Amino acid sequence: MNPNFATHRKTFCRAARIGRLRSHVMTSRIYFSGVALSCAVALLLGCAEKQDSPPSAYFTKADSLTERYLALEDSILEAWNMMINDDNQKIEAMHNLLHELMVSRATDQELLNSYESRLMRLKNLRYTQKSMANPDVVTEYDFASNALVSELIALAESQKQFAYNTTLQKLVEIIRTSDERVYQYRETYDMITARYNQFVNDNRDMLKEMKSDSVENRPLFQVAEN
């Protein structure tokens, strides 16, 4: 065999093998590059999903906090309205009692007029959800209310016609029963408001972010009474 031909054949075979090897390496590179790219895309998507989660979780928590906050506010308002409505009924019953005594002319009219004037001023003395933070406001109202209740009941029961006047008896019963319920209503209000205050304390920072106005604790009757 021609040595030059053999040498050329070996050179050709080596070149072919090198070519195939380069082709294989390039194919492998492309393959692994594709796999790497796919992994990178999946990783980026995963990161994006993870980055999207906190806002979603945040808004879910914010919605839950808002719902809870509004529910507590509604409960406080309901407890307050029940208490005030009952107090209004007591004041109305005292007005009706005075009217009944005036109509029957059972006692001195000037005395009854003075009671009526004190009763008219009573509502102006009554505390609000804000003013009750001052203990003197609640104390002053309680003193004026208790004095009127005691004096009017004693006056009505001292009348001769009280034994058979069912209207007087019924009005006295309404006044006395309503007066006895005052601290029960305050206890219920305090219980709900204390729960609200605890909720505000636990979530104050997030509530400030959600609400434009300030979120503050509310006064309790037990604080005002102490």
C-alpha atoms as a PDB file:
ATOM      1  CA  MET A   1       0.000   0.000   0.000  1.00  0.00           C
ATOM      2  CA  ASN A   2       1.156   3.509  -0.742  1.00  0.00           C
ATOM      3  CA  PRO A   3       2.529   4.994   2.489  1.00  0.00           C
ATOM      4  CA  ASN A   4       1.276   8.403   1.513  1.00  0.00           C
ATOM      5  CA  PHE A   5      -2.230   7.005   1.089  1.00  0.00           C
ATOM      6  CA  ALA A   6      -2.092   5.294   4.489  1.00  0.00           C
ATOM      7  CA  THR A   7      -0.897   8.481   6.091  1.00  0.00           C
ATOM      8  CA  HIS A   8      -3.669  10.444   4.404  1.00  0.00           C
ATOM      9  CA  ARG A   9      -6.245   7.849   5.534  1.00  0.00           C
ATOM     10  CA  LYS A  10      -5.119   8.118   9.133  1.00  0.00           C
ATOM     11  CA  THR A  11      -5.234  11.872   8.889  1.00  0.00           C
ATOM     12  CA  PHE A  12      -8.721  11.735   7.401  1.00  0.00           C
ATOM     13  CA  CYS A  13      -9.995   9.328  10.064  1.00  0.00           C
ATOM     14  CA  ARG A  14      -8.574  11.505  12.830  1.00  0.00           C
ATOM     15  CA  ALA A  15     -10.166  14.588  11.307  1.00  0.00           C
ATOM     16  CA  ALA A  16     -13.510  12.802  11.013  1.00  0.00           C
ATOM     17  CA  ARG A  17     -13.378  11.659  14.624  1.00  0.00           C
ATOM     18  CA  ILE A  18     -12.437  15.133  15.771  1.00  0.00           C
ATOM     19  CA  GLY A  19     -15.313  16.520  13.720  1.00  0.00           C
ATOM     20  CA  ARG A  20     -17.769  14.030  15.175  1.00  0.00           C
ATOM     21  CA  LEU A  21     -16.439  14.734  18.668  1.00  0.00           C
ATOM     22  CA  ARG A  22     -16.852  18.462  18.174  1.00  0.00           C
ATOM     23  CA  SER A  23     -20.341  17.881  16.841  1.00  0.00           C
ATOM     24  CA  HIS A  24     -21.186  15.729  19.875  1.00  0.00           C
ATOM     25  CA  VAL A  25     -19.764  18.333  22.245  1.00  0.00           C
ATOM     26  CA  MET A  26     -21.728  21.099  20.566  1.00  0.00           C
ATOM     27  CA  THR A  27     -24.901  19.016  20.678  1.00  0.00           C
ATOM     28  CA  SER A  28     -24.293  18.293  24.340  1.00  0.00           C
ATOM     29  CA  ARG A  29     -23.656  21.941  24.994  1.00  0.00           C
ATOM     30  CA  ILE A  30     -26.867  22.924  23.255  1.00  0.00           C
ATOM     31  CA  TYR A  31     -28.789  20.246  25.151  1.00  0.00           C
ATOM     32  CA  PHE A  32     -27.412  21.175  28.523  1.00  0.00           C
ATOM     33  CA  SER A  33     -27.802  24.842  27.723  1.00  0.00           C
ATOM     34  CA  GLY A  34     -31.446  24.168  26.924  1.00  0.00           C
ATOM     35  CA  VAL A  35     -31.894  22.291  30.181  1.00  0.00           C
ATOM     36  CA  ALA A  36     -30.126  25.039  32.069  1.00  0.00           C
ATOM     37  CA  LEU A  37     -32.301  27.662  30.397  1.00  0.00           C
ATOM     38  CA  SER A  38     -35.445  25.720  31.260  1.00  0.00           C
ATOM     39  CA  CYS A  39     -34.308  25.432  34.862  1.00  0.00           C
ATOM     40  CA  ALA A  40     -33.485  29.107  34.964  1.00  0.00           C
ATOM     41  CA  VAL A  41     -36.921  30.031  33.587  1.00  0.00           C
ATOM     42  CA  ALA A  42     -38.626  27.729  36.078  1.00  0.00           C
ATOM     43  CA  LEU A  43     -36.566  29.235  38.888  1.00  0.00           C
ATOM     44  CA  LEU A  44     -37.444  32.758  37.830  1.00  0.00           C
ATOM     45  CA  LEU A  45     -41.108  31.868  37.596  1.00  0.00           C
ATOM     46  CA  GLY A  46     -40.917  30.273  41.011  1.00  0.00           C
ATOM     47  CA  CYS A  47     -39.299  33.395  42.414  1.00  0.00           C
ATOM     48  CA  ALA A  48     -41.953  35.520  40.759  1.00  0.00           C
ATOM     49  CA  GLU A  49     -44.679  33.389  42.310  1.00  0.00           C
ATOM     50  CA  LYS A  50     -42.980  33.678  45.671  1.00  0.00           C
ATOM     51  CA  GLN A  51     -42.714  37.425  45.228  1.00  0.00           C
ATOM     52  CA  ASP A  52     -46.412  37.591  44.338  1.00  0.00           C
ATOM     53  CA  SER A  53     -47.407  35.629  47.444  1.00  0.00           C
ATOM     54  CA  PRO A  54     -46.619  38.224  50.123  1.00  0.00           C
ATOM     55  CA  PRO A  55     -48.872  40.952  48.620  1.00  0.00           C
ATOM     56  CA  SER A  56     -51.650  38.386  48.229  1.00  0.00           C
ATOM     57  CA  ALA A  57     -51.126  37.201  51.772  1.00  0.00           C
ATOM     58  CA  TYR A  58     -50.939  40.805  52.938  1.00  0.00           C
ATOM     59  CA  PHE A  59     -54.240  41.737  51.351  1.00  0.00           C
ATOM     60  CA  THR A  60     -55.867  38.589  52.681  1.00  0.00           C
ATOM     61  CA  LYS A  61     -54.713  39.461  56.189  1.00  0.00           C
ATOM     62  CA  ALA A  62     -55.747  43.089  55.702  1.00  0.00           C
ATOM     63  CA  ASP A  63     -59.234  42.029  54.626  1.00  0.00           C
ATOM     64  CA  SER A  64     -59.495  39.746  57.642  1.00  0.00           C
ATOM     65  CA  LEU A  65     -58.334  42.487  60.009  1.00  0.00           C
ATOM     66  CA  THR A  66     -60.724  45.001  58.475  1.00  0.00           C
ATOM     67  CA  GLU A  67     -63.640  42.594  58.779  1.00  0.00           C
ATOM     68  CA  ARG A  68     -62.790  41.850  62.404  1.00  0.00           C
ATOM     69  CA  TYR A  69     -62.300  45.540  63.207  1.00  0.00           C
ATOM     70  CA  LEU A  70     -65.673  46.515  61.723  1.00  0.00           C
ATOM     71  CA  ALA A  71     -67.403  43.635  63.518  1.00  0.00           C
ATOM     72  CA  LEU A  72     -66.017  44.819  66.853  1.00  0.00           C
ATOM     73  CA  GLU A  73     -67.060  48.398  66.119  1.00  0.00           C
ATOM     74  CA  ASP A  74     -70.592  47.200  65.319  1.00  0.00           C
ATOM     75  CA  SER A  75     -70.728  45.197  68.549  1.00  0.00           C
ATOM     76  CA  ILE A  76     -69.639  48.230  70.568  1.00  0.00           C
ATOM     77  CA  LEU A  77     -72.267  50.409  68.890  1.00  0.00           C
ATOM     78  CA  GLU A  78     -74.986  47.813  69.484  1.00  0.00           C
ATOM     79  CA  ALA A  79     -74.088  47.485  73.187  1.00  0.00           C
ATOM     80  CA  TRP A  80     -73.980  51.267  73.543  1.00  0.00           C
ATOM     81  CA  ASN A  81     -77.354  51.794  71.846  1.00  0.00           C
ATOM     82  CA  MET A  82     -79.033  49.146  73.997  1.00  0.00           C
ATOM     83  CA  MET A  83     -77.708  50.817  77.140  1.00  0.00           C
ATOM     84  CA  ILE A  84     -78.684  54.349  76.078  1.00  0.00           C
ATOM     85  CA  ASN A  85     -82.117  53.276  74.822  1.00  0.00           C
ATOM     86  CA  ASP A  86     -82.828  51.632  78.160  1.00  0.00           C
ATOM     87  CA  ASP A  87     -81.702  54.794  79.963  1.00  0.00           C
ATOM     88  CA  ASN A  88     -83.975  56.869  77.715  1.00  0.00           C
ATOM     89  CA  GLN A  89     -86.914  54.627  78.614  1.00  0.00           C
ATOM     90  CA  LYS A  90     -86.148  55.165  82.300  1.00  0.00           C
ATOM     91  CA  ILE A  91     -86.115  58.951  81.825  1.00  0.00           C
ATOM     92  CA  GLU A  92     -89.357  58.773  79.831  1.00  0.00           C
ATOM     93  CA  ALA A  93     -90.971  56.707  82.601  1.00  0.00           C
ATOM     94  CA  MET A  94     -89.918  59.353  85.148  1.00  0.00           C
ATOM     95  CA  HIS A  95     -91.487  62.051  82.963  1.00  0.00           C
ATOM     96  CA  ASN A  96     -94.690  60.001  82.779  1.00  0.00           C
ATOM     97  CA  LEU A  97     -94.628  59.477  86.524  1.00  0.00           C
ATOM     98  CA  LEU A  98     -94.397  63.221  87.115  1.00  0.00           C
ATOM     99  CA  HIS A  99     -97.204  63.794  84.637  1.00  0.00           C
ATOM    100  CA  GLU A 100     -99.403  61.264  86.449  1.00  0.00           C
ATOM    101  CA  LEU A 101     -98.736  62.962  89.789  1.00  0.00           C
ATOM    102  CA  MET A 102     -99.494  66.380  88.290  1.00  0.00           C
ATOM    103  CA  VAL A 103    -102.759  65.208  86.776  1.00  0.00           C
ATOM    104  CA  SER A 104    -103.901  63.614  90.026  1.00  0.00           C
ATOM    105  CA  ARG A 105    -102.818  66.736  91.950  1.00  0.00           C
ATOM    106  CA  ALA A 106    -101.611  64.431  94.671  1.00  0.00           C
ATOM    107  CA  THR A 107     -98.773  66.646  95.795  1.00  0.00           C
ATOM    108  CA  ASP A 108     -97.352  70.175  95.581  1.00  0.00           C
ATOM    109  CA  GLN A 109     -97.189  71.333  91.957  1.00  0.00           C
ATOM    110  CA  GLU A 110     -94.167  73.527  92.553  1.00  0.00           C
ATOM    111  CA  LEU A 111     -92.237  70.515  93.836  1.00  0.00           C
ATOM    112  CA  LEU A 112     -93.239  68.520  90.765  1.00  0.00           C
ATOM    113  CA  ASN A 113     -92.134  71.362  88.481  1.00  0.00           C
ATOM    114  CA  SER A 114     -88.724  71.400  90.135  1.00  0.00           C
ATOM    115  CA  TYR A 115     -88.405  67.659  89.526  1.00  0.00           C
ATOM    116  CA  GLU A 116     -89.382  68.184  85.905  1.00  0.00           C
ATOM    117  CA  SER A 117     -86.677  70.841  85.489  1.00  0.00           C
ATOM    118  CA  ARG A 118     -84.033  68.520  86.969  1.00  0.00           C
ATOM    119  CA  LEU A 119     -85.199  65.724  84.702  1.00  0.00           C
ATOM    120  CA  MET A 120     -84.951  67.941  81.629  1.00  0.00           C
ATOM    121  CA  ARG A 121     -81.316  68.695  82.463  1.00  0.00           C
ATOM    122  CA  LEU A 122     -80.442  65.041  83.026  1.00  0.00           C
ATOM    123  CA  LYS A 123     -79.885  64.130  79.373  1.00  0.00           C
ATOM    124  CA  ASN A 124     -77.530  67.092  78.953  1.00  0.00           C
ATOM    125  CA  LEU A 125     -75.425  65.695  81.772  1.00  0.00           C
ATOM    126  CA  ARG A 126     -75.175  62.244  80.268  1.00  0.00           C
ATOM    127  CA  TYR A 127     -71.787  60.973  79.159  1.00  0.00           C
ATOM    128  CA  THR A 128     -70.800  60.048  75.614  1.00  0.00           C
ATOM    129  CA  GLN A 129     -68.390  57.387  74.362  1.00  0.00           C
ATOM    130  CA  LYS A 130     -65.648  60.017  74.452  1.00  0.00           C
ATOM    131  CA  SER A 131     -66.574  62.105  77.493  1.00  0.00           C
ATOM    132  CA  MET A 132     -66.802  59.013  79.713  1.00  0.00           C
ATOM    133  CA  ALA A 133     -62.998  58.968  79.647  1.00  0.00           C
ATOM    134  CA  ASN A 134     -63.358  61.659  82.320  1.00  0.00           C
ATOM    135  CA  PRO A 135     -64.554  59.841  85.476  1.00  0.00           C
ATOM    136  CA  ASP A 136     -66.149  63.010  86.821  1.00  0.00           C
ATOM    137  CA  VAL A 137     -68.600  63.087  83.900  1.00  0.00           C
ATOM    138  CA  VAL A 138     -69.945  59.616  84.694  1.00  0.00           C
ATOM    139  CA  THR A 139     -69.977  60.287  88.447  1.00  0.00           C
ATOM    140  CA  GLU A 140     -71.934  63.522  88.012  1.00  0.00           C
ATOM    141  CA  TYR A 141     -74.519  61.854  85.799  1.00  0.00           C
ATOM    142  CA  ASP A 142     -74.905  58.872  88.108  1.00  0.00           C
ATOM    143  CA  PHE A 143     -75.377  61.145  91.121  1.00  0.00           C
ATOM    144  CA  ALA A 144     -78.081  63.210  89.379  1.00  0.00           C
ATOM    145  CA  SER A 145     -79.848  60.146  87.963  1.00  0.00           C
ATOM    146  CA  ASN A 146     -79.781  58.127  91.192  1.00  0.00           C
ATOM    147  CA  ALA A 147     -81.087  61.066  93.196  1.00  0.00           C
ATOM    148  CA  LEU A 148     -84.047  61.557  90.852  1.00  0.00           C
ATOM    149  CA  VAL A 149     -84.857  57.845  90.768  1.00  0.00           C
ATOM    150  CA  SER A 150     -84.834  57.535  94.557  1.00  0.00           C
ATOM    151  CA  GLU A 151     -86.803  60.723  95.205  1.00  0.00           C
ATOM    152  CA  LEU A 152     -89.468  60.109  92.553  1.00  0.00           C
ATOM    153  CA  ILE A 153     -90.059  56.498  93.592  1.00  0.00           C
ATOM    154  CA  ALA A 154     -90.325  57.537  97.235  1.00  0.00           C
ATOM    155  CA  LEU A 155     -92.720  60.360  96.300  1.00  0.00           C
ATOM    156  CA  ALA A 156     -94.952  58.071  94.214  1.00  0.00           C
ATOM    157  CA  GLU A 157     -95.068  55.321  96.832  1.00  0.00           C
ATOM    158  CA  SER A 158     -95.965  57.848  99.536  1.00  0.00           C
ATOM    159  CA  GLN A 159     -99.190  58.795  97.757  1.00  0.00           C
ATOM    160  CA  LYS A 160    -102.457  57.335  99.072  1.00  0.00           C
ATOM    161  CA  GLN A 161    -103.631  56.382  95.578  1.00  0.00           C
ATOM    162  CA  PHE A 162    -100.453  54.382  94.901  1.00  0.00           C
ATOM    163  CA  ALA A 163    -102.050  51.249  96.396  1.00  0.00           C
ATOM    164  CA  TYR A 164    -104.743  51.171  93.693  1.00  0.00           C
ATOM    165  CA  ASN A 165    -103.264  53.327  90.900  1.00  0.00           C
ATOM    166  CA  THR A 166    -101.850  50.688  88.547  1.00  0.00           C
ATOM    167  CA  THR A 167    -100.339  53.358  86.274  1.00  0.00           C
ATOM    168  CA  LEU A 168     -98.163  54.678  89.082  1.00  0.00           C
ATOM    169  CA  GLN A 169     -97.231  51.138  90.107  1.00  0.00           C
ATOM    170  CA  LYS A 170     -96.239  50.194  86.571  1.00  0.00           C
ATOM    171  CA  LEU A 171     -94.148  53.340  86.060  1.00  0.00           C
ATOM    172  CA  VAL A 172     -92.327  52.826  89.351  1.00  0.00           C
ATOM    173  CA  GLU A 173     -91.562  49.251  88.368  1.00  0.00           C
ATOM    174  CA  ILE A 174     -90.190  50.353  84.963  1.00  0.00           C
ATOM    175  CA  ILE A 175     -87.954  52.973  86.603  1.00  0.00           C
ATOM    176  CA  ARG A 176     -86.663  50.641  89.295  1.00  0.00           C
ATOM    177  CA  THR A 177     -86.002  47.727  86.918  1.00  0.00           C
ATOM    178  CA  SER A 178     -84.255  49.913  84.365  1.00  0.00           C
ATOM    179  CA  ASP A 179     -82.095  51.481  87.065  1.00  0.00           C
ATOM    180  CA  GLU A 180     -81.014  48.026  88.224  1.00  0.00           C
ATOM    181  CA  ARG A 181     -79.928  47.106  84.691  1.00  0.00           C
ATOM    182  CA  VAL A 182     -77.506  50.028  84.322  1.00  0.00           C
ATOM    183  CA  TYR A 183     -74.426  48.189  85.553  1.00  0.00           C
ATOM    184  CA  GLN A 184     -75.306  45.054  83.610  1.00  0.00           C
ATOM    185  CA  TYR A 185     -75.297  47.070  80.389  1.00  0.00           C
ATOM    186  CA  ARG A 186     -72.040  48.761  81.389  1.00  0.00           C
ATOM    187  CA  GLU A 187     -70.442  45.419  82.127  1.00  0.00           C
ATOM    188  CA  THR A 188     -71.439  44.135  78.681  1.00  0.00           C
ATOM    189  CA  TYR A 189     -70.139  47.305  77.046  1.00  0.00           C
ATOM    190  CA  ASP A 190     -66.841  47.030  78.916  1.00  0.00           C
ATOM    191  CA  MET A 191     -66.391  43.396  77.931  1.00  0.00           C
ATOM    192  CA  ILE A 192     -66.835  44.122  74.206  1.00  0.00           C
ATOM    193  CA  THR A 193     -64.773  47.321  74.320  1.00  0.00           C
ATOM    194  CA  ALA A 194     -61.921  45.591  76.162  1.00  0.00           C
ATOM    195  CA  ARG A 195     -61.851  43.003  73.376  1.00  0.00           C
ATOM    196  CA  TYR A 196     -61.741  45.828  70.832  1.00  0.00           C
ATOM    197  CA  ASN A 197     -58.889  47.557  72.685  1.00  0.00           C
ATOM    198  CA  GLN A 198     -56.882  44.338  72.808  1.00  0.00           C
ATOM    199  CA  PHE A 199     -57.407  43.838  69.073  1.00  0.00           C
ATOM    200  CA  VAL A 200     -56.234  47.399  68.385  1.00  0.00           C
ATOM    201  CA  ASN A 201     -53.149  46.931  70.558  1.00  0.00           C
ATOM    202  CA  ASP A 202     -52.236  43.683  68.784  1.00  0.00           C
ATOM    203  CA  ASN A 203     -52.695  45.098  65.276  1.00  0.00           C
ATOM    204  CA  ARG A 204     -52.101  48.832  65.679  1.00  0.00           C
ATOM    205  CA  ASP A 205     -49.404  49.187  62.991  1.00  0.00           C
ATOM    206  CA  MET A 206     -51.355  47.392  60.296  1.00  0.00           C
ATOM    207  CA  LEU A 207     -54.596  49.176  61.222  1.00  0.00           C
ATOM    208  CA  LYS A 208     -52.820  52.522  60.850  1.00  0.00           C
ATOM    209  CA  GLU A 209     -51.759  51.517  57.328  1.00  0.00           C
ATOM    210  CA  MET A 210     -55.304  50.530  56.395  1.00  0.00           C
ATOM    211  CA  LYS A 211     -57.139  53.478  57.964  1.00  0.00           C
ATOM    212  CA  SER A 212     -56.509  57.145  57.262  1.00  0.00           C
ATOM    213  CA  ASP A 213     -57.799  58.212  60.681  1.00  0.00           C
ATOM    214  CA  SER A 214     -56.125  57.241  63.927  1.00  0.00           C
ATOM    215  CA  VAL A 215     -57.155  54.085  65.749  1.00  0.00           C
ATOM    216  CA  GLU A 216     -57.196  54.558  69.495  1.00  0.00           C
ATOM    217  CA  ASN A 217     -58.325  52.604  72.538  1.00  0.00           C
ATOM    218  CA  ARG A 218     -61.745  53.429  73.948  1.00  0.00           C
ATOM    219  CA  PRO A 219     -62.497  54.251  77.583  1.00  0.00           C
ATOM    220  CA  LEU A 220     -64.198  51.715  79.817  1.00  0.00           C
ATOM    221  CA  PHE A 221     -66.744  52.271  82.564  1.00  0.00           C
ATOM    222  CA  GLN A 222     -64.629  50.299  85.008  1.00  0.00           C
ATOM    223  CA  VAL A 223     -61.850  52.817  84.440  1.00  0.00           C
ATOM    224  CA  ALA A 224     -64.248  55.718  84.870  1.00  0.00           C
ATOM    225  CA  GLU A 225     -65.727  54.206  88.025  1.00  0.00           C
ATOM    226  CA  ASN A 226     -62.346  53.462  89.589  1.00  0.00           C
END
